[in-house]
Protein backbone atom coordinates (compact mmCIF):
# COMPACT_ATOMS: atom_id res chain seq x y z
CA MET A 1 14.88 -2.76 -8.36
CA VAL A 2 11.82 -2.46 -10.55
CA VAL A 3 11.88 -3.81 -14.12
CA HIS A 4 9.35 -2.88 -16.76
CA LEU A 5 9.09 -5.63 -19.37
CA CYS A 6 8.05 -3.68 -22.47
CA LEU A 7 5.78 -5.33 -25.00
CA PRO A 8 3.48 -3.79 -27.65
CA ALA A 9 -0.26 -4.09 -27.09
CA GLU A 10 -0.62 -6.44 -30.08
CA ASP A 11 1.93 -8.85 -28.62
CA ILE A 12 0.22 -8.76 -25.22
CA TYR A 13 -3.06 -9.49 -26.92
CA ASP A 14 -1.54 -12.49 -28.75
CA ARG A 15 -0.30 -13.88 -25.44
CA VAL A 16 -3.58 -13.51 -23.53
CA LYS A 17 -6.37 -13.82 -26.11
CA GLY A 18 -8.84 -16.45 -25.05
CA ASN A 19 -7.67 -16.39 -21.45
CA LYS A 20 -10.87 -16.20 -19.39
CA SER A 21 -8.96 -15.50 -16.16
CA ARG A 22 -8.33 -11.87 -17.18
CA PRO A 23 -11.50 -10.02 -16.15
CA LEU A 24 -10.35 -6.63 -17.45
CA LEU A 25 -10.12 -8.10 -20.94
CA GLN A 26 -13.58 -9.67 -21.04
CA THR A 27 -14.88 -6.99 -23.40
CA GLU A 28 -15.91 -6.83 -27.06
CA ASP A 29 -12.53 -5.22 -27.90
CA PRO A 30 -9.81 -6.74 -25.66
CA LEU A 31 -7.04 -5.31 -27.82
CA GLY A 32 -8.52 -1.85 -27.45
CA ARG A 33 -8.77 -2.38 -23.70
CA ILE A 34 -5.09 -3.43 -23.58
CA ARG A 35 -4.22 -0.19 -25.36
CA GLU A 36 -6.24 1.82 -22.89
CA LEU A 37 -4.65 0.11 -19.91
CA LEU A 38 -1.14 0.68 -21.31
CA ALA A 39 -1.86 4.32 -21.92
CA GLN A 40 -3.08 4.70 -18.32
CA ARG A 41 -0.23 2.73 -16.79
CA LEU A 42 2.77 3.78 -18.90
CA PRO A 43 3.58 6.85 -16.75
CA ALA A 44 3.98 4.55 -13.74
CA TYR A 45 5.81 1.90 -15.79
CA HIS A 46 8.33 4.55 -16.97
CA THR A 47 9.42 5.10 -13.37
CA ALA A 48 11.00 1.60 -13.29
CA HIS A 49 14.74 1.34 -12.77
CA VAL A 50 15.01 -0.68 -15.95
CA GLU A 51 12.88 -0.87 -19.08
CA LEU A 52 13.51 -3.99 -21.08
CA SER A 53 11.95 -4.81 -24.43
CA VAL A 54 10.93 -8.45 -24.46
CA ARG A 55 9.52 -8.53 -27.97
CA LYS A 56 10.71 -11.62 -29.87
CA ARG A 57 13.35 -12.32 -27.27
CA PRO A 58 13.89 -15.83 -25.85
CA LEU A 59 13.32 -16.26 -22.15
CA PRO A 60 16.99 -17.06 -21.33
CA GLN A 61 18.02 -13.74 -22.89
CA ILE A 62 15.41 -11.85 -20.91
CA ILE A 63 16.56 -13.49 -17.68
CA PHE A 64 20.17 -12.72 -18.52
CA GLN A 65 19.35 -9.03 -19.13
CA ILE A 66 17.40 -8.78 -15.87
CA LEU A 67 20.24 -10.36 -13.91
CA LEU A 68 22.82 -8.16 -15.61
CA ASN A 69 20.81 -5.04 -14.80
CA TYR A 70 20.32 -6.22 -11.23
CA HIS A 71 24.07 -6.59 -10.73
CA LEU A 72 24.69 -3.11 -12.23
CA TYR A 73 21.94 -1.68 -9.99
CA ILE A 74 23.49 -3.23 -6.87
CA ARG A 75 26.96 -2.04 -7.81
CA ARG A 76 25.66 1.54 -8.34
CA ARG A 77 23.91 1.47 -4.97
CA ARG A 78 27.03 0.26 -3.19
CA ASN A 79 29.12 3.05 -4.75
CA LYS A 80 26.85 5.80 -3.45
């Protein structure tokens, strides 16, 4: 099962700004670069089995949603 954790570009930027270990973001406009990368990658991301918004959600809730979707995914596969 593939899960796409959805997060707006601005939130991604807030999480990674100042992180020197992200070579693709070492530009004059890292937020713009994040937007470009998302635009390029979203078609692939939309093929995920589950798309889950993680904006302003606590980690335990995200984990719960992933596990719940995993169990539903397994159940559907068994019933095929």
